[in-house]
Amino acid sequence: MEISHAVEDYLKIIYELQGAGGKVNTTALAERLNVAPASVTGMIKKLAEDRPRLVNYERHHGVTLTTAGEKIALEVIRHHRLIELYLHEALGYSWDQVDAEAEKLEHVISEEFEDRIAAALGQPKIDPHGDPIPTKEGVIAAPTGERLTDLAAGQRGRVARVSDDDPALLRYLAELGIKPETAIAVVDRSPFDGPMHVRVGNRSPQALGRQVTDHVFVEVR
């Protein structure tokens, strides 16, 4: 069965939105894909009727991936994250630039090229933002870390991963030195949902609001 780039995008976004076994609302899917809800519904119905069936869909109850759909989604995600890492490590792209470039390339690289990238990078486990890279067999590790927002004063650990949706946020995090494997500690929390005061590495504490801390995940030690 020939899988179009559009179908691969649908499957990838459904995988990202469904999380741990949840059903994906078609409205949320339309927002992520930037298409009309009616178009999303039409595509989802088609994917639910085609053979092999790639999604499970029940009107008003959302959509989930079938085993076949998940396999395709994970392959696209593997391509995307390997390309991101290759652009960052080998070609000097900053981590806020790699997502847009990987979006263009994830659908078109061959399996041989995927294998060569993985070999050149030493069979990496995570991308530049700390997200796990699926294996060639379609196995992916569970994302790690607690939201920085949820940590108490005095807790410390290392940055596990950061959200990669907003290039401007990634540039700001880079300025702060917040990246995977960096030591981080919560020095203080202001009351009434005020800013957190956070020490990154050996730097002086910084005051960070939830627009930042919601997107940073920490493995607490």
N, C-alpha and C. Protein backbone atom coordinates (compact mmCIF):
# COMPACT_ATOMS: atom_id res chain seq x y z
N MET A 1 0.85 -1.20 0.00
CA MET A 1 0.00 0.00 0.00
C MET A 1 0.87 1.24 0.00
N GLU A 2 0.61 2.13 -0.94
CA GLU A 2 1.37 3.39 -1.03
C GLU A 2 0.83 4.38 0.01
N ILE A 3 1.72 4.86 0.87
CA ILE A 3 1.34 5.80 1.92
C ILE A 3 1.81 7.19 1.52
N SER A 4 0.87 8.13 1.39
CA SER A 4 1.23 9.49 0.98
C SER A 4 1.87 10.24 2.14
N HIS A 5 2.54 11.35 1.80
CA HIS A 5 3.13 12.18 2.84
C HIS A 5 2.06 12.74 3.77
N ALA A 6 0.90 13.08 3.21
CA ALA A 6 -0.19 13.62 4.03
C ALA A 6 -0.65 12.58 5.05
N VAL A 7 -0.78 11.34 4.63
CA VAL A 7 -1.20 10.28 5.55
C VAL A 7 -0.15 10.08 6.63
N GLU A 8 1.12 10.10 6.27
CA GLU A 8 2.18 9.97 7.26
C GLU A 8 2.10 11.10 8.29
N ASP A 9 1.79 12.31 7.83
CA ASP A 9 1.65 13.43 8.77
C ASP A 9 0.49 13.19 9.74
N TYR A 10 -0.63 12.72 9.22
CA TYR A 10 -1.78 12.41 10.08
C TYR A 10 -1.39 11.39 11.15
N LEU A 11 -0.76 10.32 10.72
CA LEU A 11 -0.42 9.24 11.66
C LEU A 11 0.57 9.72 12.71
N LYS A 12 1.55 10.50 12.29
CA LYS A 12 2.54 11.02 13.23
C LYS A 12 1.90 11.92 14.27
N ILE A 13 1.04 12.83 13.84
CA ILE A 13 0.40 13.76 14.78
C ILE A 13 -0.56 13.03 15.70
N ILE A 14 -1.30 12.06 15.18
CA ILE A 14 -2.17 11.27 16.06
C ILE A 14 -1.35 10.59 17.14
N TYR A 15 -0.21 10.01 16.75
CA TYR A 15 0.65 9.34 17.73
C TYR A 15 1.10 10.33 18.81
N GLU A 16 1.50 11.51 18.39
CA GLU A 16 2.00 12.51 19.35
C GLU A 16 0.90 13.00 20.27
N LEU A 17 -0.33 13.10 19.76
CA LEU A 17 -1.44 13.62 20.56
C LEU A 17 -2.07 12.56 21.46
N GLN A 18 -2.02 11.30 21.06
CA GLN A 18 -2.76 10.29 21.83
C GLN A 18 -2.06 9.91 23.12
N GLY A 19 -0.74 10.17 23.22
CA GLY A 19 -0.05 9.90 24.47
C GLY A 19 -0.18 8.45 24.88
N ALA A 20 -0.41 8.22 26.16
CA ALA A 20 -0.47 6.86 26.70
C ALA A 20 -1.87 6.27 26.55
N GLY A 21 -2.20 5.90 25.33
CA GLY A 21 -3.45 5.18 25.11
C GLY A 21 -4.69 6.02 25.01
N GLY A 22 -4.57 7.36 24.98
CA GLY A 22 -5.74 8.21 24.89
C GLY A 22 -6.28 8.32 23.47
N LYS A 23 -7.53 8.75 23.36
CA LYS A 23 -8.13 8.99 22.06
C LYS A 23 -7.94 10.45 21.67
N VAL A 24 -7.76 10.69 20.38
CA VAL A 24 -7.45 12.03 19.88
C VAL A 24 -8.71 12.66 19.33
N ASN A 25 -9.02 13.85 19.81
CA ASN A 25 -10.14 14.63 19.32
C ASN A 25 -9.82 15.17 17.94
N THR A 26 -10.77 15.06 17.01
CA THR A 26 -10.49 15.51 15.64
C THR A 26 -10.26 17.02 15.57
N THR A 27 -10.86 17.78 16.50
CA THR A 27 -10.63 19.23 16.52
C THR A 27 -9.17 19.53 16.84
N ALA A 28 -8.63 18.82 17.84
CA ALA A 28 -7.22 19.01 18.19
C ALA A 28 -6.32 18.61 17.04
N LEU A 29 -6.69 17.56 16.34
CA LEU A 29 -5.92 17.10 15.18
C LEU A 29 -5.94 18.15 14.08
N ALA A 30 -7.12 18.74 13.84
CA ALA A 30 -7.24 19.78 12.82
C ALA A 30 -6.37 20.99 13.16
N GLU A 31 -6.31 21.34 14.44
CA GLU A 31 -5.50 22.49 14.86
C GLU A 31 -4.02 22.22 14.63
N ARG A 32 -3.56 21.02 14.96
CA ARG A 32 -2.15 20.69 14.77
C ARG A 32 -1.77 20.64 13.29
N LEU A 33 -2.70 20.14 12.46
CA LEU A 33 -2.41 20.01 11.03
C LEU A 33 -2.73 21.28 10.25
N ASN A 34 -3.41 22.22 10.92
CA ASN A 34 -3.81 23.49 10.29
C ASN A 34 -4.69 23.26 9.05
N VAL A 35 -5.67 22.38 9.21
CA VAL A 35 -6.65 22.11 8.15
C VAL A 35 -8.04 22.17 8.76
N ALA A 36 -9.06 22.23 7.90
CA ALA A 36 -10.44 22.32 8.36
C ALA A 36 -10.87 21.03 9.04
N PRO A 37 -11.66 21.12 10.12
CA PRO A 37 -12.14 19.92 10.80
C PRO A 37 -12.86 18.94 9.87
N ALA A 38 -13.62 19.46 8.91
CA ALA A 38 -14.32 18.57 7.98
C ALA A 38 -13.34 17.76 7.14
N SER A 39 -12.21 18.37 6.76
CA SER A 39 -11.20 17.66 6.00
C SER A 39 -10.57 16.55 6.83
N VAL A 40 -10.35 16.85 8.11
CA VAL A 40 -9.78 15.84 9.02
C VAL A 40 -10.73 14.66 9.16
N THR A 41 -12.00 14.94 9.36
CA THR A 41 -12.98 13.87 9.50
C THR A 41 -13.01 12.98 8.25
N GLY A 42 -12.97 13.61 7.08
CA GLY A 42 -12.96 12.84 5.84
C GLY A 42 -11.75 11.93 5.72
N MET A 43 -10.57 12.46 6.06
CA MET A 43 -9.36 11.66 5.98
C MET A 43 -9.39 10.52 7.00
N ILE A 44 -9.84 10.82 8.23
CA ILE A 44 -9.88 9.80 9.27
C ILE A 44 -10.81 8.66 8.88
N LYS A 45 -11.95 8.99 8.32
CA LYS A 45 -12.88 7.94 7.87
C LYS A 45 -12.22 7.07 6.81
N LYS A 46 -11.49 7.69 5.90
CA LYS A 46 -10.81 6.94 4.85
C LYS A 46 -9.78 5.99 5.46
N LEU A 47 -8.98 6.49 6.40
CA LEU A 47 -7.95 5.66 7.02
C LEU A 47 -8.55 4.53 7.84
N ALA A 48 -9.76 4.75 8.35
CA ALA A 48 -10.43 3.71 9.13
C ALA A 48 -11.06 2.64 8.25
N GLU A 49 -11.26 2.97 6.97
CA GLU A 49 -11.91 2.03 6.05
C GLU A 49 -10.92 1.31 5.14
N ASP A 50 -9.76 1.93 4.90
CA ASP A 50 -8.77 1.32 4.01
C ASP A 50 -8.23 0.02 4.60
N ARG A 51 -7.61 -0.77 3.75
CA ARG A 51 -6.93 -1.99 4.20
C ARG A 51 -5.48 -1.93 3.76
N PRO A 52 -4.52 -2.06 4.66
CA PRO A 52 -4.77 -2.28 6.09
C PRO A 52 -5.34 -1.04 6.77
N ARG A 53 -6.19 -1.27 7.75
CA ARG A 53 -6.79 -0.16 8.49
C ARG A 53 -5.72 0.49 9.36
N LEU A 54 -5.60 1.82 9.26
CA LEU A 54 -4.52 2.52 9.96
C LEU A 54 -4.99 3.22 11.24
N VAL A 55 -6.29 3.46 11.35
CA VAL A 55 -6.82 4.10 12.57
C VAL A 55 -8.12 3.43 12.98
N ASN A 56 -8.44 3.58 14.25
CA ASN A 56 -9.76 3.25 14.77
C ASN A 56 -10.51 4.55 15.00
N TYR A 57 -11.69 4.66 14.45
CA TYR A 57 -12.44 5.92 14.57
C TYR A 57 -13.90 5.63 14.90
N GLU A 58 -14.39 6.34 15.90
CA GLU A 58 -15.80 6.28 16.26
C GLU A 58 -16.29 7.71 16.42
N ARG A 59 -17.31 8.06 15.70
CA ARG A 59 -17.81 9.44 15.71
C ARG A 59 -18.10 9.90 17.14
N HIS A 60 -17.62 11.11 17.44
CA HIS A 60 -17.78 11.75 18.75
C HIS A 60 -16.92 11.10 19.84
N HIS A 61 -16.15 10.08 19.49
CA HIS A 61 -15.31 9.42 20.49
C HIS A 61 -13.82 9.47 20.14
N GLY A 62 -13.46 10.14 19.05
CA GLY A 62 -12.06 10.34 18.74
C GLY A 62 -11.45 9.22 17.92
N VAL A 63 -10.15 9.30 17.78
CA VAL A 63 -9.41 8.39 16.91
C VAL A 63 -8.16 7.88 17.61
N THR A 64 -7.80 6.63 17.34
CA THR A 64 -6.54 6.05 17.82
C THR A 64 -5.90 5.31 16.65
N LEU A 65 -4.62 5.03 16.78
CA LEU A 65 -3.91 4.29 15.75
C LEU A 65 -4.09 2.79 15.93
N THR A 66 -4.16 2.09 14.82
CA THR A 66 -4.05 0.64 14.86
C THR A 66 -2.57 0.27 14.97
N THR A 67 -2.28 -1.00 15.11
CA THR A 67 -0.89 -1.45 15.15
C THR A 67 -0.16 -1.06 13.86
N ALA A 68 -0.85 -1.22 12.72
CA ALA A 68 -0.24 -0.86 11.43
C ALA A 68 0.01 0.64 11.34
N GLY A 69 -0.95 1.43 11.82
CA GLY A 69 -0.78 2.88 11.80
C GLY A 69 0.34 3.35 12.72
N GLU A 70 0.44 2.72 13.89
CA GLU A 70 1.49 3.10 14.83
C GLU A 70 2.87 2.77 14.26
N LYS A 71 2.98 1.65 13.57
CA LYS A 71 4.27 1.27 12.97
C LYS A 71 4.74 2.32 11.98
N ILE A 72 3.83 2.82 11.15
CA ILE A 72 4.19 3.86 10.18
C ILE A 72 4.55 5.16 10.90
N ALA A 73 3.75 5.52 11.90
CA ALA A 73 4.02 6.76 12.66
C ALA A 73 5.40 6.73 13.29
N LEU A 74 5.77 5.60 13.89
CA LEU A 74 7.07 5.50 14.56
C LEU A 74 8.22 5.54 13.56
N GLU A 75 8.00 5.00 12.37
CA GLU A 75 9.04 5.07 11.34
C GLU A 75 9.27 6.53 10.92
N VAL A 76 8.19 7.28 10.75
CA VAL A 76 8.32 8.70 10.38
C VAL A 76 9.00 9.48 11.51
N ILE A 77 8.61 9.19 12.75
CA ILE A 77 9.22 9.87 13.90
C ILE A 77 10.70 9.53 13.99
N ARG A 78 11.06 8.28 13.72
CA ARG A 78 12.48 7.89 13.71
C ARG A 78 13.23 8.71 12.67
N HIS A 79 12.70 8.78 11.46
CA HIS A 79 13.34 9.59 10.42
C HIS A 79 13.52 11.03 10.91
N HIS A 80 12.43 11.60 11.43
CA HIS A 80 12.45 13.01 11.84
C HIS A 80 13.53 13.27 12.89
N ARG A 81 13.57 12.45 13.91
CA ARG A 81 14.48 12.71 15.02
C ARG A 81 15.93 12.39 14.66
N LEU A 82 16.15 11.39 13.82
CA LEU A 82 17.51 11.14 13.34
C LEU A 82 17.99 12.30 12.48
N ILE A 83 17.14 12.82 11.61
CA ILE A 83 17.51 13.96 10.77
C ILE A 83 17.82 15.17 11.64
N GLU A 84 16.96 15.42 12.65
CA GLU A 84 17.22 16.55 13.55
C GLU A 84 18.62 16.44 14.17
N LEU A 85 18.95 15.26 14.66
CA LEU A 85 20.24 15.08 15.32
C LEU A 85 21.39 15.21 14.33
N TYR A 86 21.21 14.67 13.13
CA TYR A 86 22.26 14.77 12.11
C TYR A 86 22.48 16.24 11.72
N LEU A 87 21.42 16.98 11.52
CA LEU A 87 21.55 18.40 11.18
C LEU A 87 22.28 19.15 12.29
N HIS A 88 21.97 18.80 13.54
CA HIS A 88 22.56 19.50 14.69
C HIS A 88 24.02 19.11 14.90
N GLU A 89 24.29 17.79 14.86
CA GLU A 89 25.62 17.30 15.19
C GLU A 89 26.61 17.43 14.02
N ALA A 90 26.14 17.12 12.82
CA ALA A 90 27.06 17.06 11.68
C ALA A 90 27.09 18.34 10.84
N LEU A 91 25.98 19.05 10.81
CA LEU A 91 25.90 20.21 9.92
C LEU A 91 25.82 21.54 10.65
N GLY A 92 25.82 21.50 11.97
CA GLY A 92 25.90 22.74 12.74
C GLY A 92 24.63 23.55 12.84
N TYR A 93 23.47 22.95 12.53
CA TYR A 93 22.21 23.65 12.73
C TYR A 93 21.97 23.84 14.22
N SER A 94 21.39 24.98 14.60
CA SER A 94 21.00 25.16 16.00
C SER A 94 19.74 24.36 16.27
N TRP A 95 19.48 24.06 17.54
CA TRP A 95 18.37 23.15 17.84
C TRP A 95 17.00 23.75 17.57
N ASP A 96 16.93 25.07 17.38
CA ASP A 96 15.65 25.68 17.02
C ASP A 96 15.40 25.66 15.51
N GLN A 97 16.39 25.26 14.73
CA GLN A 97 16.25 25.22 13.27
C GLN A 97 15.95 23.82 12.74
N VAL A 98 16.25 22.79 13.52
CA VAL A 98 16.24 21.44 12.96
C VAL A 98 14.85 20.89 12.70
N ASP A 99 13.85 21.31 13.49
CA ASP A 99 12.52 20.73 13.33
C ASP A 99 11.94 21.05 11.96
N ALA A 100 12.02 22.31 11.54
CA ALA A 100 11.45 22.70 10.26
C ALA A 100 12.15 21.99 9.10
N GLU A 101 13.46 21.83 9.17
CA GLU A 101 14.18 21.13 8.11
C GLU A 101 13.83 19.64 8.09
N ALA A 102 13.73 19.05 9.28
CA ALA A 102 13.39 17.63 9.36
C ALA A 102 11.99 17.36 8.83
N GLU A 103 11.06 18.30 9.02
CA GLU A 103 9.71 18.14 8.49
C GLU A 103 9.74 17.96 6.97
N LYS A 104 10.65 18.66 6.31
CA LYS A 104 10.73 18.59 4.85
C LYS A 104 11.35 17.27 4.39
N LEU A 105 12.23 16.70 5.18
CA LEU A 105 13.02 15.54 4.75
C LEU A 105 12.52 14.20 5.26
N GLU A 106 11.70 14.20 6.30
CA GLU A 106 11.34 12.95 6.98
C GLU A 106 10.62 11.96 6.07
N HIS A 107 9.90 12.46 5.06
CA HIS A 107 9.11 11.59 4.19
C HIS A 107 9.91 11.01 3.02
N VAL A 108 11.08 11.56 2.75
CA VAL A 108 11.73 11.25 1.47
C VAL A 108 13.03 10.47 1.60
N ILE A 109 13.58 10.34 2.80
CA ILE A 109 14.85 9.61 2.89
C ILE A 109 14.60 8.11 2.74
N SER A 110 15.57 7.42 2.17
CA SER A 110 15.47 5.97 2.00
C SER A 110 15.85 5.26 3.30
N GLU A 111 15.53 3.97 3.36
CA GLU A 111 15.90 3.19 4.53
C GLU A 111 17.42 3.07 4.64
N GLU A 112 18.10 3.00 3.51
CA GLU A 112 19.56 2.94 3.54
C GLU A 112 20.14 4.24 4.11
N PHE A 113 19.58 5.37 3.69
CA PHE A 113 20.07 6.64 4.19
C PHE A 113 19.80 6.75 5.69
N GLU A 114 18.62 6.29 6.13
CA GLU A 114 18.31 6.25 7.57
C GLU A 114 19.35 5.44 8.32
N ASP A 115 19.70 4.25 7.78
CA ASP A 115 20.68 3.39 8.44
C ASP A 115 22.05 4.06 8.52
N ARG A 116 22.42 4.75 7.45
CA ARG A 116 23.74 5.41 7.44
C ARG A 116 23.80 6.57 8.43
N ILE A 117 22.70 7.32 8.53
CA ILE A 117 22.66 8.40 9.52
C ILE A 117 22.81 7.82 10.92
N ALA A 118 22.03 6.77 11.21
CA ALA A 118 22.08 6.17 12.54
C ALA A 118 23.48 5.64 12.86
N ALA A 119 24.11 4.99 11.87
CA ALA A 119 25.47 4.47 12.09
C ALA A 119 26.47 5.59 12.31
N ALA A 120 26.36 6.66 11.50
CA ALA A 120 27.30 7.78 11.63
C ALA A 120 27.18 8.46 12.98
N LEU A 121 25.98 8.44 13.57
CA LEU A 121 25.74 9.09 14.86
C LEU A 121 25.93 8.14 16.03
N GLY A 122 26.31 6.88 15.74
CA GLY A 122 26.54 5.92 16.82
C GLY A 122 25.28 5.32 17.41
N GLN A 123 24.25 5.12 16.55
CA GLN A 123 22.97 4.53 16.99
C GLN A 123 22.41 5.30 18.19
N PRO A 124 22.10 6.57 18.01
CA PRO A 124 21.69 7.43 19.14
C PRO A 124 20.33 7.04 19.69
N LYS A 125 20.12 7.37 20.95
CA LYS A 125 18.87 7.06 21.65
C LYS A 125 17.93 8.26 21.74
N ILE A 126 18.49 9.50 21.69
CA ILE A 126 17.65 10.70 21.83
C ILE A 126 18.02 11.73 20.77
N ASP A 127 17.08 12.63 20.49
CA ASP A 127 17.31 13.71 19.53
C ASP A 127 17.87 14.93 20.26
N PRO A 128 18.11 16.05 19.58
CA PRO A 128 18.74 17.20 20.26
C PRO A 128 17.91 17.78 21.40
N HIS A 129 16.61 17.51 21.42
CA HIS A 129 15.74 18.06 22.47
C HIS A 129 15.50 17.07 23.60
N GLY A 130 16.12 15.87 23.49
CA GLY A 130 15.99 14.87 24.54
C GLY A 130 14.87 13.87 24.32
N ASP A 131 14.14 13.98 23.20
CA ASP A 131 13.06 13.03 22.92
C ASP A 131 13.63 11.70 22.43
N PRO A 132 13.04 10.58 22.84
CA PRO A 132 13.57 9.27 22.43
C PRO A 132 13.39 9.02 20.94
N ILE A 133 14.39 8.39 20.34
CA ILE A 133 14.34 8.01 18.93
C ILE A 133 13.87 6.56 18.84
N PRO A 134 12.79 6.28 18.12
CA PRO A 134 12.36 4.89 17.97
C PRO A 134 13.46 4.05 17.32
N THR A 135 13.50 2.77 17.68
CA THR A 135 14.44 1.87 17.03
C THR A 135 13.93 1.52 15.63
N LYS A 136 14.78 0.89 14.85
CA LYS A 136 14.40 0.47 13.51
C LYS A 136 13.24 -0.53 13.55
N GLU A 137 13.14 -1.24 14.67
CA GLU A 137 12.07 -2.23 14.83
C GLU A 137 10.76 -1.62 15.33
N GLY A 138 10.76 -0.29 15.54
CA GLY A 138 9.53 0.37 15.97
C GLY A 138 9.29 0.35 17.46
N VAL A 139 10.35 0.24 18.24
CA VAL A 139 10.24 0.30 19.70
C VAL A 139 10.72 1.67 20.16
N ILE A 140 9.95 2.28 21.04
CA ILE A 140 10.33 3.62 21.53
C ILE A 140 10.28 3.64 23.05
N ALA A 141 11.30 4.23 23.66
CA ALA A 141 11.33 4.36 25.11
C ALA A 141 10.31 5.40 25.56
N ALA A 142 9.80 5.22 26.76
CA ALA A 142 8.86 6.20 27.31
C ALA A 142 9.61 7.51 27.60
N PRO A 143 9.00 8.66 27.29
CA PRO A 143 9.63 9.93 27.63
C PRO A 143 9.86 10.02 29.14
N THR A 144 10.96 10.60 29.52
CA THR A 144 11.30 10.67 30.94
C THR A 144 11.18 12.10 31.45
N GLY A 145 11.14 12.21 32.79
CA GLY A 145 11.20 13.52 33.42
C GLY A 145 9.86 14.04 33.90
N GLU A 146 9.93 14.85 34.96
CA GLU A 146 8.78 15.57 35.49
C GLU A 146 8.85 17.02 35.02
N ARG A 147 7.68 17.63 34.84
CA ARG A 147 7.68 19.04 34.46
C ARG A 147 8.38 19.87 35.53
N LEU A 148 9.22 20.77 35.07
CA LEU A 148 9.90 21.67 36.00
C LEU A 148 8.88 22.42 36.85
N THR A 149 7.74 22.76 36.27
CA THR A 149 6.68 23.46 36.99
C THR A 149 6.27 22.73 38.26
N ASP A 150 6.31 21.39 38.25
CA ASP A 150 5.78 20.59 39.35
C ASP A 150 6.80 20.32 40.45
N LEU A 151 8.03 20.79 40.28
CA LEU A 151 9.05 20.53 41.29
C LEU A 151 8.92 21.51 42.45
N ALA A 152 9.33 21.06 43.63
CA ALA A 152 9.30 21.90 44.83
C ALA A 152 10.65 22.57 45.04
N ALA A 153 10.63 23.64 45.82
CA ALA A 153 11.88 24.31 46.17
C ALA A 153 12.82 23.32 46.83
N GLY A 154 14.07 23.33 46.40
CA GLY A 154 15.08 22.43 46.95
C GLY A 154 15.30 21.19 46.09
N GLN A 155 14.38 20.88 45.20
CA GLN A 155 14.58 19.72 44.34
C GLN A 155 15.57 20.05 43.23
N ARG A 156 16.30 19.02 42.83
CA ARG A 156 17.32 19.20 41.80
C ARG A 156 17.40 17.95 40.94
N GLY A 157 18.05 18.07 39.80
CA GLY A 157 18.23 16.92 38.92
C GLY A 157 18.94 17.35 37.66
N ARG A 158 18.59 16.66 36.57
CA ARG A 158 19.16 17.02 35.27
C ARG A 158 18.03 17.18 34.28
N VAL A 159 18.22 18.07 33.32
CA VAL A 159 17.23 18.27 32.27
C VAL A 159 17.18 17.00 31.42
N ALA A 160 15.99 16.41 31.29
CA ALA A 160 15.82 15.21 30.47
C ALA A 160 15.47 15.57 29.04
N ARG A 161 14.54 16.52 28.87
CA ARG A 161 14.09 16.90 27.53
C ARG A 161 13.36 18.23 27.62
N VAL A 162 13.16 18.84 26.47
CA VAL A 162 12.39 20.08 26.38
C VAL A 162 11.43 19.98 25.19
N SER A 163 10.33 20.70 25.28
CA SER A 163 9.40 20.74 24.16
C SER A 163 10.06 21.44 22.98
N ASP A 164 9.81 20.92 21.77
CA ASP A 164 10.47 21.48 20.59
C ASP A 164 9.51 22.19 19.65
N ASP A 165 8.31 22.55 20.15
CA ASP A 165 7.28 23.13 19.28
C ASP A 165 7.54 24.59 18.91
N ASP A 166 8.26 25.31 19.75
CA ASP A 166 8.39 26.77 19.58
C ASP A 166 9.86 27.15 19.42
N PRO A 167 10.29 27.52 18.21
CA PRO A 167 11.70 27.90 18.01
C PRO A 167 12.15 29.05 18.90
N ALA A 168 11.25 30.01 19.14
CA ALA A 168 11.63 31.15 19.99
C ALA A 168 11.91 30.68 21.42
N LEU A 169 11.10 29.75 21.93
CA LEU A 169 11.35 29.21 23.26
C LEU A 169 12.68 28.46 23.29
N LEU A 170 12.97 27.69 22.25
CA LEU A 170 14.24 26.96 22.21
C LEU A 170 15.43 27.91 22.22
N ARG A 171 15.31 29.02 21.50
CA ARG A 171 16.41 30.00 21.51
C ARG A 171 16.59 30.58 22.90
N TYR A 172 15.48 30.85 23.59
CA TYR A 172 15.55 31.39 24.94
C TYR A 172 16.16 30.38 25.91
N LEU A 173 15.75 29.11 25.79
CA LEU A 173 16.32 28.08 26.64
C LEU A 173 17.81 27.94 26.41
N ALA A 174 18.24 28.08 25.16
CA ALA A 174 19.68 28.01 24.86
C ALA A 174 20.42 29.15 25.55
N GLU A 175 19.83 30.33 25.56
CA GLU A 175 20.45 31.47 26.24
C GLU A 175 20.60 31.20 27.74
N LEU A 176 19.62 30.50 28.31
CA LEU A 176 19.65 30.19 29.74
C LEU A 176 20.56 29.01 30.06
N GLY A 177 21.00 28.29 29.02
CA GLY A 177 21.82 27.10 29.23
C GLY A 177 21.01 25.85 29.55
N ILE A 178 19.68 25.91 29.33
CA ILE A 178 18.81 24.77 29.63
C ILE A 178 18.77 23.85 28.42
N LYS A 179 19.40 22.69 28.54
CA LYS A 179 19.42 21.69 27.48
C LYS A 179 19.57 20.32 28.12
N PRO A 180 19.27 19.23 27.39
CA PRO A 180 19.38 17.90 27.98
C PRO A 180 20.74 17.64 28.62
N GLU A 181 20.69 16.99 29.76
CA GLU A 181 21.86 16.59 30.57
C GLU A 181 22.39 17.71 31.46
N THR A 182 21.84 18.91 31.35
CA THR A 182 22.31 20.02 32.19
C THR A 182 21.76 19.88 33.61
N ALA A 183 22.59 20.16 34.60
CA ALA A 183 22.14 20.16 36.00
C ALA A 183 21.22 21.34 36.24
N ILE A 184 20.15 21.11 37.01
CA ILE A 184 19.19 22.18 37.27
C ILE A 184 18.64 22.01 38.68
N ALA A 185 18.39 23.12 39.37
CA ALA A 185 17.89 23.07 40.74
C ALA A 185 16.87 24.17 40.95
N VAL A 186 15.81 23.86 41.69
CA VAL A 186 14.79 24.85 42.05
C VAL A 186 15.23 25.50 43.35
N VAL A 187 15.58 26.77 43.29
CA VAL A 187 16.05 27.50 44.47
C VAL A 187 14.89 27.98 45.32
N ASP A 188 13.85 28.48 44.64
CA ASP A 188 12.71 29.03 45.38
C ASP A 188 11.51 29.09 44.44
N ARG A 189 10.32 29.15 45.03
CA ARG A 189 9.09 29.31 44.27
C ARG A 189 8.30 30.47 44.87
N SER A 190 7.88 31.40 44.04
CA SER A 190 7.05 32.48 44.52
C SER A 190 5.61 31.97 44.71
N PRO A 191 4.88 32.50 45.70
CA PRO A 191 3.52 32.02 45.94
C PRO A 191 2.54 32.48 44.85
N PHE A 192 1.34 31.88 44.88
CA PHE A 192 0.25 32.26 43.97
C PHE A 192 0.66 32.14 42.50
N ASP A 193 1.28 31.02 42.21
CA ASP A 193 1.66 30.70 40.83
C ASP A 193 2.64 31.72 40.26
N GLY A 194 3.46 32.29 41.14
CA GLY A 194 4.47 33.22 40.68
C GLY A 194 5.65 32.50 40.06
N PRO A 195 6.69 33.22 39.66
CA PRO A 195 7.82 32.59 38.98
C PRO A 195 8.61 31.65 39.88
N MET A 196 9.29 30.70 39.25
CA MET A 196 10.23 29.82 39.94
C MET A 196 11.62 30.42 39.79
N HIS A 197 12.42 30.27 40.82
CA HIS A 197 13.81 30.72 40.75
C HIS A 197 14.68 29.47 40.61
N VAL A 198 15.35 29.38 39.49
CA VAL A 198 16.01 28.16 39.08
C VAL A 198 17.49 28.41 38.82
N ARG A 199 18.35 27.50 39.31
CA ARG A 199 19.77 27.57 39.00
C ARG A 199 20.10 26.52 37.95
N VAL A 200 20.71 26.96 36.86
CA VAL A 200 21.11 26.07 35.77
C VAL A 200 22.62 25.93 35.82
N GLY A 201 23.11 24.71 36.05
CA GLY A 201 24.55 24.53 36.19
C GLY A 201 25.09 25.36 37.33
N ASN A 202 26.12 26.13 37.05
CA ASN A 202 26.73 27.00 38.06
C ASN A 202 26.33 28.46 37.90
N ARG A 203 25.30 28.73 37.10
CA ARG A 203 24.88 30.10 36.86
C ARG A 203 24.11 30.65 38.06
N SER A 204 23.94 31.96 38.07
CA SER A 204 23.11 32.58 39.09
C SER A 204 21.65 32.20 38.85
N PRO A 205 20.83 32.13 39.92
CA PRO A 205 19.42 31.77 39.75
C PRO A 205 18.69 32.71 38.79
N GLN A 206 17.78 32.13 38.01
CA GLN A 206 16.95 32.87 37.07
C GLN A 206 15.49 32.71 37.47
N ALA A 207 14.70 33.76 37.31
CA ALA A 207 13.26 33.69 37.55
C ALA A 207 12.58 33.28 36.25
N LEU A 208 11.82 32.17 36.30
CA LEU A 208 11.17 31.65 35.11
C LEU A 208 9.68 31.47 35.36
N GLY A 209 8.86 31.89 34.39
CA GLY A 209 7.41 31.71 34.48
C GLY A 209 6.97 30.38 33.90
N ARG A 210 5.69 30.09 34.02
CA ARG A 210 5.17 28.80 33.57
C ARG A 210 5.26 28.63 32.06
N GLN A 211 5.29 29.74 31.31
CA GLN A 211 5.43 29.62 29.87
C GLN A 211 6.74 28.93 29.50
N VAL A 212 7.70 28.97 30.42
CA VAL A 212 8.97 28.28 30.22
C VAL A 212 8.97 26.94 30.96
N THR A 213 8.63 26.96 32.25
CA THR A 213 8.81 25.76 33.07
C THR A 213 7.88 24.61 32.68
N ASP A 214 6.74 24.92 32.06
CA ASP A 214 5.84 23.86 31.58
C ASP A 214 6.46 23.03 30.46
N HIS A 215 7.50 23.55 29.83
CA HIS A 215 8.07 22.92 28.65
C HIS A 215 9.45 22.32 28.90
N VAL A 216 9.85 22.26 30.17
CA VAL A 216 11.13 21.67 30.55
C VAL A 216 10.85 20.48 31.46
N PHE A 217 11.49 19.34 31.17
CA PHE A 217 11.24 18.11 31.93
C PHE A 217 12.55 17.67 32.59
N VAL A 218 12.45 17.33 33.87
CA VAL A 218 13.63 17.10 34.69
C VAL A 218 13.58 15.71 35.31
N GLU A 219 14.70 14.99 35.25
CA GLU A 219 14.86 13.75 36.01
C GLU A 219 15.40 14.14 37.38
N VAL A 220 14.56 13.99 38.39
CA VAL A 220 14.91 14.43 39.73
C VAL A 220 15.87 13.44 40.37
N ARG A 221 16.84 13.97 41.09
CA ARG A 221 17.83 13.13 41.79
C ARG A 221 17.74 13.34 43.29
